[in-house]
Amino acid sequence: MFQLNPTYDVRGRTMAKFANDELKMKRFAVFSEDSYGKNFADSFSEEALKNGGAITASVYYSKDDNDLTQELEELEDKIFHWTNL
């Protein structure tokens, strides 16, 4: 038995394309794990920008973190700053 999965790059681009085209979203905040999740996030961000979207904030966390309070506060600060420009 074989399982065929798209690459992280394809998955990230597909998610961005769906958000842009189907959901009509144009502003995004990225909150992602900093190793394999970053591959998704980078591809998502590239595709979102290519389709006229904007990345208002990007914050990455370690898969070993048990408390994401600091990272979530950083994300909130970046989003708040961007929306008040």
PDB file of N, CA and C in Angstrom:
ATOM      1  N   MET A   1       0.837  -1.156   0.000  1.00  0.00           N
ATOM      2  CA  MET A   1       0.000   0.000   0.000  1.00  0.00           C
ATOM      3  C   MET A   1       0.897   1.240   0.000  1.00  0.00           C
ATOM      4  N   PHE A   2       0.512   2.237  -0.758  1.00  0.00           N
ATOM      5  CA  PHE A   2       1.254   3.488  -0.840  1.00  0.00           C
ATOM      6  C   PHE A   2       0.329   4.651  -0.523  1.00  0.00           C
ATOM      7  N   GLN A   3       0.900   5.657   0.059  1.00  0.00           N
ATOM      8  CA  GLN A   3       0.145   6.879   0.332  1.00  0.00           C
ATOM      9  C   GLN A   3       0.882   8.025  -0.340  1.00  0.00           C
ATOM     10  N   LEU A   4       0.185   8.764  -1.154  1.00  0.00           N
ATOM     11  CA  LEU A   4       0.779   9.904  -1.837  1.00  0.00           C
ATOM     12  C   LEU A   4       0.309  11.185  -1.165  1.00  0.00           C
ATOM     13  N   ASN A   5       1.243  11.966  -0.708  1.00  0.00           N
ATOM     14  CA  ASN A   5       0.923  13.233  -0.055  1.00  0.00           C
ATOM     15  C   ASN A   5       1.602  14.375  -0.785  1.00  0.00           C
ATOM     16  N   PRO A   6       0.928  15.495  -0.909  1.00  0.00           N
ATOM     17  CA  PRO A   6       1.607  16.654  -1.490  1.00  0.00           C
ATOM     18  C   PRO A   6       2.707  17.152  -0.549  1.00  0.00           C
ATOM     19  N   THR A   7       3.662  17.827  -1.109  1.00  0.00           N
ATOM     20  CA  THR A   7       4.752  18.379  -0.303  1.00  0.00           C
ATOM     21  C   THR A   7       4.233  19.505   0.580  1.00  0.00           C
ATOM     22  N   TYR A   8       5.021  19.896   1.578  1.00  0.00           N
ATOM     23  CA  TYR A   8       4.651  21.021   2.432  1.00  0.00           C
ATOM     24  C   TYR A   8       4.468  22.282   1.595  1.00  0.00           C
ATOM     25  N   ASP A   9       5.327  22.448   0.604  1.00  0.00           N
ATOM     26  CA  ASP A   9       5.238  23.612  -0.278  1.00  0.00           C
ATOM     27  C   ASP A   9       3.882  23.647  -0.982  1.00  0.00           C
ATOM     28  N   VAL A  10       3.481  22.533  -1.559  1.00  0.00           N
ATOM     29  CA  VAL A  10       2.194  22.470  -2.264  1.00  0.00           C
ATOM     30  C   VAL A  10       1.038  22.716  -1.297  1.00  0.00           C
ATOM     31  N   ARG A  11       1.112  22.140  -0.124  1.00  0.00           N
ATOM     32  CA  ARG A  11       0.045  22.328   0.872  1.00  0.00           C
ATOM     33  C   ARG A  11      -0.095  23.790   1.279  1.00  0.00           C
ATOM     34  N   GLY A  12       1.033  24.443   1.558  1.00  0.00           N
ATOM     35  CA  GLY A  12       0.995  25.848   1.958  1.00  0.00           C
ATOM     36  C   GLY A  12       0.426  26.732   0.862  1.00  0.00           C
ATOM     37  N   ARG A  13       0.872  26.507  -0.355  1.00  0.00           N
ATOM     38  CA  ARG A  13       0.375  27.304  -1.488  1.00  0.00           C
ATOM     39  C   ARG A  13      -1.115  27.055  -1.736  1.00  0.00           C
ATOM     40  N   THR A  14      -1.546  25.820  -1.582  1.00  0.00           N
ATOM     41  CA  THR A  14      -2.955  25.488  -1.780  1.00  0.00           C
ATOM     42  C   THR A  14      -3.828  26.164  -0.727  1.00  0.00           C
ATOM     43  N   MET A  15      -3.369  26.178   0.515  1.00  0.00           N
ATOM     44  CA  MET A  15      -4.135  26.853   1.573  1.00  0.00           C
ATOM     45  C   MET A  15      -4.261  28.349   1.295  1.00  0.00           C
ATOM     46  N   ALA A  16      -3.167  28.975   0.861  1.00  0.00           N
ATOM     47  CA  ALA A  16      -3.203  30.409   0.563  1.00  0.00           C
ATOM     48  C   ALA A  16      -4.112  30.699  -0.625  1.00  0.00           C
ATOM     49  N   LYS A  17      -4.017  29.882  -1.642  1.00  0.00           N
ATOM     50  CA  LYS A  17      -4.843  30.073  -2.829  1.00  0.00           C
ATOM     51  C   LYS A  17      -6.324  29.944  -2.477  1.00  0.00           C
ATOM     52  N   PHE A  18      -6.669  28.966  -1.655  1.00  0.00           N
ATOM     53  CA  PHE A  18      -8.052  28.794  -1.217  1.00  0.00           C
ATOM     54  C   PHE A  18      -8.513  30.011  -0.412  1.00  0.00           C
ATOM     55  N   ALA A  19      -7.684  30.460   0.522  1.00  0.00           N
ATOM     56  CA  ALA A  19      -8.049  31.625   1.342  1.00  0.00           C
ATOM     57  C   ALA A  19      -8.238  32.868   0.476  1.00  0.00           C
ATOM     58  N   ASN A  20      -7.344  33.076  -0.492  1.00  0.00           N
ATOM     59  CA  ASN A  20      -7.455  34.227  -1.392  1.00  0.00           C
ATOM     60  C   ASN A  20      -8.657  34.107  -2.322  1.00  0.00           C
ATOM     61  N   ASP A  21      -8.742  33.007  -3.031  1.00  0.00           N
ATOM     62  CA  ASP A  21      -9.730  32.864  -4.106  1.00  0.00           C
ATOM     63  C   ASP A  21     -11.126  32.531  -3.618  1.00  0.00           C
ATOM     64  N   GLU A  22     -11.237  31.602  -2.715  1.00  0.00           N
ATOM     65  CA  GLU A  22     -12.556  31.135  -2.286  1.00  0.00           C
ATOM     66  C   GLU A  22     -13.114  31.929  -1.105  1.00  0.00           C
ATOM     67  N   LEU A  23     -12.252  32.241  -0.144  1.00  0.00           N
ATOM     68  CA  LEU A  23     -12.709  32.955   1.044  1.00  0.00           C
ATOM     69  C   LEU A  23     -12.565  34.465   0.914  1.00  0.00           C
ATOM     70  N   LYS A  24     -11.896  34.909  -0.163  1.00  0.00           N
ATOM     71  CA  LYS A  24     -11.683  36.344  -0.441  1.00  0.00           C
ATOM     72  C   LYS A  24     -10.929  37.051   0.684  1.00  0.00           C
ATOM     73  N   MET A  25     -10.031  36.329   1.341  1.00  0.00           N
ATOM     74  CA  MET A  25      -9.218  36.908   2.407  1.00  0.00           C
ATOM     75  C   MET A  25      -7.976  37.555   1.802  1.00  0.00           C
ATOM     76  N   LYS A  26      -7.572  38.679   2.368  1.00  0.00           N
ATOM     77  CA  LYS A  26      -6.404  39.390   1.855  1.00  0.00           C
ATOM     78  C   LYS A  26      -5.358  39.699   2.924  1.00  0.00           C
ATOM     79  N   ARG A  27      -5.730  39.644   4.197  1.00  0.00           N
ATOM     80  CA  ARG A  27      -4.777  39.914   5.275  1.00  0.00           C
ATOM     81  C   ARG A  27      -4.638  38.671   6.136  1.00  0.00           C
ATOM     82  N   PHE A  28      -3.384  38.332   6.446  1.00  0.00           N
ATOM     83  CA  PHE A  28      -3.103  37.103   7.172  1.00  0.00           C
ATOM     84  C   PHE A  28      -2.074  37.331   8.266  1.00  0.00           C
ATOM     85  N   ALA A  29      -2.242  36.605   9.355  1.00  0.00           N
ATOM     86  CA  ALA A  29      -1.236  36.515  10.405  1.00  0.00           C
ATOM     87  C   ALA A  29      -0.782  35.055  10.424  1.00  0.00           C
ATOM     88  N   VAL A  30       0.512  34.850  10.517  1.00  0.00           N
ATOM     89  CA  VAL A  30       1.073  33.501  10.512  1.00  0.00           C
ATOM     90  C   VAL A  30       1.574  33.179  11.912  1.00  0.00           C
ATOM     91  N   PHE A  31       1.085  32.076  12.454  1.00  0.00           N
ATOM     92  CA  PHE A  31       1.518  31.573  13.762  1.00  0.00           C
ATOM     93  C   PHE A  31       1.849  30.107  13.558  1.00  0.00           C
ATOM     94  N   SER A  32       3.137  29.780  13.591  1.00  0.00           N
ATOM     95  CA  SER A  32       3.552  28.450  13.157  1.00  0.00           C
ATOM     96  C   SER A  32       4.707  27.917  13.988  1.00  0.00           C
ATOM     97  N   GLU A  33       4.768  26.610  14.045  1.00  0.00           N
ATOM     98  CA  GLU A  33       5.886  25.909  14.647  1.00  0.00           C
ATOM     99  C   GLU A  33       7.126  26.171  13.783  1.00  0.00           C
ATOM    100  N   ASP A  34       8.294  26.286  14.415  1.00  0.00           N
ATOM    101  CA  ASP A  34       9.479  26.797  13.713  1.00  0.00           C
ATOM    102  C   ASP A  34      10.317  25.787  12.930  1.00  0.00           C
ATOM    103  N   SER A  35       9.912  24.530  12.851  1.00  0.00           N
ATOM    104  CA  SER A  35      10.678  23.599  12.010  1.00  0.00           C
ATOM    105  C   SER A  35       9.833  23.183  10.816  1.00  0.00           C
ATOM    106  N   TYR A  36       9.166  22.037  10.857  1.00  0.00           N
ATOM    107  CA  TYR A  36       8.416  21.626   9.669  1.00  0.00           C
ATOM    108  C   TYR A  36       7.259  22.575   9.371  1.00  0.00           C
ATOM    109  N   GLY A  37       6.655  23.167  10.390  1.00  0.00           N
ATOM    110  CA  GLY A  37       5.556  24.119  10.186  1.00  0.00           C
ATOM    111  C   GLY A  37       5.991  25.357   9.429  1.00  0.00           C
ATOM    112  N   LYS A  38       7.253  25.725   9.561  1.00  0.00           N
ATOM    113  CA  LYS A  38       7.768  26.903   8.849  1.00  0.00           C
ATOM    114  C   LYS A  38       7.729  26.680   7.341  1.00  0.00           C
ATOM    115  N   ASN A  39       7.905  25.444   6.885  1.00  0.00           N
ATOM    116  CA  ASN A  39       7.798  25.151   5.454  1.00  0.00           C
ATOM    117  C   ASN A  39       6.405  25.485   4.933  1.00  0.00           C
ATOM    118  N   PHE A  40       5.384  25.069   5.678  1.00  0.00           N
ATOM    119  CA  PHE A  40       4.005  25.423   5.315  1.00  0.00           C
ATOM    120  C   PHE A  40       3.843  26.936   5.301  1.00  0.00           C
ATOM    121  N   ALA A  41       4.281  27.553   6.391  1.00  0.00           N
ATOM    122  CA  ALA A  41       4.091  28.993   6.570  1.00  0.00           C
ATOM    123  C   ALA A  41       4.782  29.802   5.481  1.00  0.00           C
ATOM    124  N   ASP A  42       6.002  29.440   5.133  1.00  0.00           N
ATOM    125  CA  ASP A  42       6.735  30.169   4.099  1.00  0.00           C
ATOM    126  C   ASP A  42       6.037  30.055   2.741  1.00  0.00           C
ATOM    127  N   SER A  43       5.601  28.859   2.400  1.00  0.00           N
ATOM    128  CA  SER A  43       4.902  28.661   1.128  1.00  0.00           C
ATOM    129  C   SER A  43       3.573  29.397   1.124  1.00  0.00           C
ATOM    130  N   PHE A  44       2.863  29.334   2.248  1.00  0.00           N
ATOM    131  CA  PHE A  44       1.596  30.050   2.372  1.00  0.00           C
ATOM    132  C   PHE A  44       1.821  31.542   2.169  1.00  0.00           C
ATOM    133  N   SER A  45       2.803  32.091   2.863  1.00  0.00           N
ATOM    134  CA  SER A  45       3.076  33.526   2.789  1.00  0.00           C
ATOM    135  C   SER A  45       3.451  33.958   1.378  1.00  0.00           C
ATOM    136  N   GLU A  46       4.319  33.202   0.733  1.00  0.00           N
ATOM    137  CA  GLU A  46       4.726  33.530  -0.641  1.00  0.00           C
ATOM    138  C   GLU A  46       3.528  33.555  -1.586  1.00  0.00           C
ATOM    139  N   GLU A  47       2.672  32.551  -1.481  1.00  0.00           N
ATOM    140  CA  GLU A  47       1.502  32.473  -2.365  1.00  0.00           C
ATOM    141  C   GLU A  47       0.488  33.564  -2.042  1.00  0.00           C
ATOM    142  N   ALA A  48       0.295  33.842  -0.769  1.00  0.00           N
ATOM    143  CA  ALA A  48      -0.642  34.902  -0.377  1.00  0.00           C
ATOM    144  C   ALA A  48      -0.178  36.247  -0.937  1.00  0.00           C
ATOM    145  N   LEU A  49       1.110  36.543  -0.811  1.00  0.00           N
ATOM    146  CA  LEU A  49       1.652  37.802  -1.342  1.00  0.00           C
ATOM    147  C   LEU A  49       1.539  37.845  -2.863  1.00  0.00           C
ATOM    148  N   LYS A  50       1.813  36.738  -3.508  1.00  0.00           N
ATOM    149  CA  LYS A  50       1.724  36.648  -4.966  1.00  0.00           C
ATOM    150  C   LYS A  50       0.309  36.965  -5.465  1.00  0.00           C
ATOM    151  N   ASN A  51      -0.688  36.627  -4.650  1.00  0.00           N
ATOM    152  CA  ASN A  51      -2.082  36.839  -5.025  1.00  0.00           C
ATOM    153  C   ASN A  51      -2.668  38.119  -4.447  1.00  0.00           C
ATOM    154  N   GLY A  52      -1.801  39.054  -4.050  1.00  0.00           N
ATOM    155  CA  GLY A  52      -2.264  40.352  -3.583  1.00  0.00           C
ATOM    156  C   GLY A  52      -2.593  40.430  -2.111  1.00  0.00           C
ATOM    157  N   GLY A  53      -2.254  39.403  -1.355  1.00  0.00           N
ATOM    158  CA  GLY A  53      -2.513  39.415   0.078  1.00  0.00           C
ATOM    159  C   GLY A  53      -1.403  40.122   0.836  1.00  0.00           C
ATOM    160  N   ALA A  54      -1.631  40.302   2.121  1.00  0.00           N
ATOM    161  CA  ALA A  54      -0.641  40.931   2.999  1.00  0.00           C
ATOM    162  C   ALA A  54      -0.460  40.057   4.233  1.00  0.00           C
ATOM    163  N   ILE A  55       0.774  39.904   4.660  1.00  0.00           N
ATOM    164  CA  ILE A  55       1.082  39.187   5.896  1.00  0.00           C
ATOM    165  C   ILE A  55       1.266  40.245   6.964  1.00  0.00           C
ATOM    166  N   THR A  56       0.309  40.337   7.881  1.00  0.00           N
ATOM    167  CA  THR A  56       0.351  41.391   8.896  1.00  0.00           C
ATOM    168  C   THR A  56       1.309  41.057  10.034  1.00  0.00           C
ATOM    169  N   ALA A  57       1.547  39.762  10.246  1.00  0.00           N
ATOM    170  CA  ALA A  57       2.449  39.344  11.321  1.00  0.00           C
ATOM    171  C   ALA A  57       2.873  37.905  11.079  1.00  0.00           C
ATOM    172  N   SER A  58       4.092  37.587  11.497  1.00  0.00           N
ATOM    173  CA  SER A  58       4.584  36.210  11.478  1.00  0.00           C
ATOM    174  C   SER A  58       5.306  35.948  12.783  1.00  0.00           C
ATOM    175  N   VAL A  59       4.873  34.925  13.487  1.00  0.00           N
ATOM    176  CA  VAL A  59       5.508  34.537  14.743  1.00  0.00           C
ATOM    177  C   VAL A  59       5.662  33.017  14.725  1.00  0.00           C
ATOM    178  N   TYR A  60       6.838  32.563  15.133  1.00  0.00           N
ATOM    179  CA  TYR A  60       7.135  31.133  15.155  1.00  0.00           C
ATOM    180  C   TYR A  60       7.444  30.698  16.586  1.00  0.00           C
ATOM    181  N   TYR A  61       7.087  29.465  16.903  1.00  0.00           N
ATOM    182  CA  TYR A  61       7.337  28.922  18.235  1.00  0.00           C
ATOM    183  C   TYR A  61       8.028  27.564  18.099  1.00  0.00           C
ATOM    184  N   SER A  62       8.682  27.161  19.154  1.00  0.00           N
ATOM    185  CA  SER A  62       9.376  25.873  19.170  1.00  0.00           C
ATOM    186  C   SER A  62       8.392  24.757  19.506  1.00  0.00           C
ATOM    187  N   LYS A  63       8.566  23.617  18.873  1.00  0.00           N
ATOM    188  CA  LYS A  63       7.688  22.478  19.156  1.00  0.00           C
ATOM    189  C   LYS A  63       7.832  22.003  20.592  1.00  0.00           C
ATOM    190  N   ASP A  64       8.918  22.384  21.250  1.00  0.00           N
ATOM    191  CA  ASP A  64       9.153  21.976  22.638  1.00  0.00           C
ATOM    192  C   ASP A  64       8.539  22.938  23.654  1.00  0.00           C
ATOM    193  N   ASP A  65       8.014  24.058  23.191  1.00  0.00           N
ATOM    194  CA  ASP A  65       7.413  25.035  24.104  1.00  0.00           C
ATOM    195  C   ASP A  65       6.103  24.503  24.669  1.00  0.00           C
ATOM    196  N   ASN A  66       5.948  24.646  25.971  1.00  0.00           N
ATOM    197  CA  ASN A  66       4.698  24.263  26.629  1.00  0.00           C
ATOM    198  C   ASN A  66       3.807  25.469  26.888  1.00  0.00           C
ATOM    199  N   ASP A  67       4.397  26.628  26.931  1.00  0.00           N
ATOM    200  CA  ASP A  67       3.658  27.859  27.201  1.00  0.00           C
ATOM    201  C   ASP A  67       3.907  28.814  26.038  1.00  0.00           C
ATOM    202  N   LEU A  68       2.869  29.123  25.301  1.00  0.00           N
ATOM    203  CA  LEU A  68       2.998  30.000  24.130  1.00  0.00           C
ATOM    204  C   LEU A  68       2.526  31.423  24.409  1.00  0.00           C
ATOM    205  N   THR A  69       2.419  31.772  25.671  1.00  0.00           N
ATOM    206  CA  THR A  69       1.927  33.101  26.046  1.00  0.00           C
ATOM    207  C   THR A  69       2.761  34.208  25.416  1.00  0.00           C
ATOM    208  N   GLN A  70       4.070  34.114  25.517  1.00  0.00           N
ATOM    209  CA  GLN A  70       4.951  35.152  24.979  1.00  0.00           C
ATOM    210  C   GLN A  70       4.774  35.280  23.462  1.00  0.00           C
ATOM    211  N   GLU A  71       4.717  34.172  22.774  1.00  0.00           N
ATOM    212  CA  GLU A  71       4.571  34.193  21.321  1.00  0.00           C
ATOM    213  C   GLU A  71       3.208  34.759  20.903  1.00  0.00           C
ATOM    214  N   LEU A  72       2.164  34.397  21.638  1.00  0.00           N
ATOM    215  CA  LEU A  72       0.832  34.924  21.333  1.00  0.00           C
ATOM    216  C   LEU A  72       0.747  36.421  21.602  1.00  0.00           C
ATOM    217  N   GLU A  73       1.408  36.888  22.666  1.00  0.00           N
ATOM    218  CA  GLU A  73       1.447  38.327  22.948  1.00  0.00           C
ATOM    219  C   GLU A  73       2.207  39.073  21.852  1.00  0.00           C
ATOM    220  N   GLU A  74       3.290  38.465  21.377  1.00  0.00           N
ATOM    221  CA  GLU A  74       4.055  39.064  20.272  1.00  0.00           C
ATOM    222  C   GLU A  74       3.192  39.158  19.012  1.00  0.00           C
ATOM    223  N   LEU A  75       2.451  38.109  18.721  1.00  0.00           N
ATOM    224  CA  LEU A  75       1.558  38.104  17.567  1.00  0.00           C
ATOM    225  C   LEU A  75       0.490  39.193  17.711  1.00  0.00           C
ATOM    226  N   GLU A  76      -0.099  39.274  18.874  1.00  0.00           N
ATOM    227  CA  GLU A  76      -1.111  40.294  19.132  1.00  0.00           C
ATOM    228  C   GLU A  76      -0.542  41.699  18.955  1.00  0.00           C
ATOM    229  N   ASP A  77       0.655  41.947  19.480  1.00  0.00           N
ATOM    230  CA  ASP A  77       1.297  43.262  19.341  1.00  0.00           C
ATOM    231  C   ASP A  77       1.536  43.608  17.875  1.00  0.00           C
ATOM    232  N   LYS A  78       1.998  42.638  17.102  1.00  0.00           N
ATOM    233  CA  LYS A  78       2.270  42.885  15.682  1.00  0.00           C
ATOM    234  C   LYS A  78       0.985  43.168  14.916  1.00  0.00           C
ATOM    235  N   ILE A  79      -0.059  42.414  15.206  1.00  0.00           N
ATOM    236  CA  ILE A  79      -1.338  42.633  14.519  1.00  0.00           C
ATOM    237  C   ILE A  79      -1.902  43.997  14.902  1.00  0.00           C
ATOM    238  N   PHE A  80      -1.866  44.319  16.193  1.00  0.00           N
ATOM    239  CA  PHE A  80      -2.384  45.600  16.660  1.00  0.00           C
ATOM    240  C   PHE A  80      -1.621  46.750  16.018  1.00  0.00           C
ATOM    241  N   HIS A  81      -0.297  46.639  15.949  1.00  0.00           N
ATOM    242  CA  HIS A  81       0.520  47.681  15.328  1.00  0.00           C
ATOM    243  C   HIS A  81       0.161  47.841  13.845  1.00  0.00           C
ATOM    244  N   TRP A  82       0.036  46.731  13.146  1.00  0.00           N
ATOM    245  CA  TRP A  82      -0.255  46.773  11.702  1.00  0.00           C
ATOM    246  C   TRP A  82      -1.610  47.385  11.426  1.00  0.00           C
ATOM    247  N   THR A  83      -2.617  47.055  12.238  1.00  0.00           N
ATOM    248  CA  THR A  83      -3.975  47.564  11.987  1.00  0.00           C
ATOM    249  C   THR A  83      -4.109  49.034  12.362  1.00  0.00           C
ATOM    250  N   ASN A  84      -3.144  49.568  13.096  1.00  0.00           N
ATOM    251  CA  ASN A  84      -3.216  50.982  13.485  1.00  0.00           C
ATOM    252  C   ASN A  84      -2.262  51.866  12.701  1.00  0.00           C
ATOM    253  N   LEU A  85      -1.752  51.379  11.602  1.00  0.00           N
ATOM    254  CA  LEU A  85      -0.866  52.198  10.755  1.00  0.00           C
ATOM    255  C   LEU A  85      -1.672  53.193   9.960  1.00  0.00           C
TER     256      LEU A  85
END
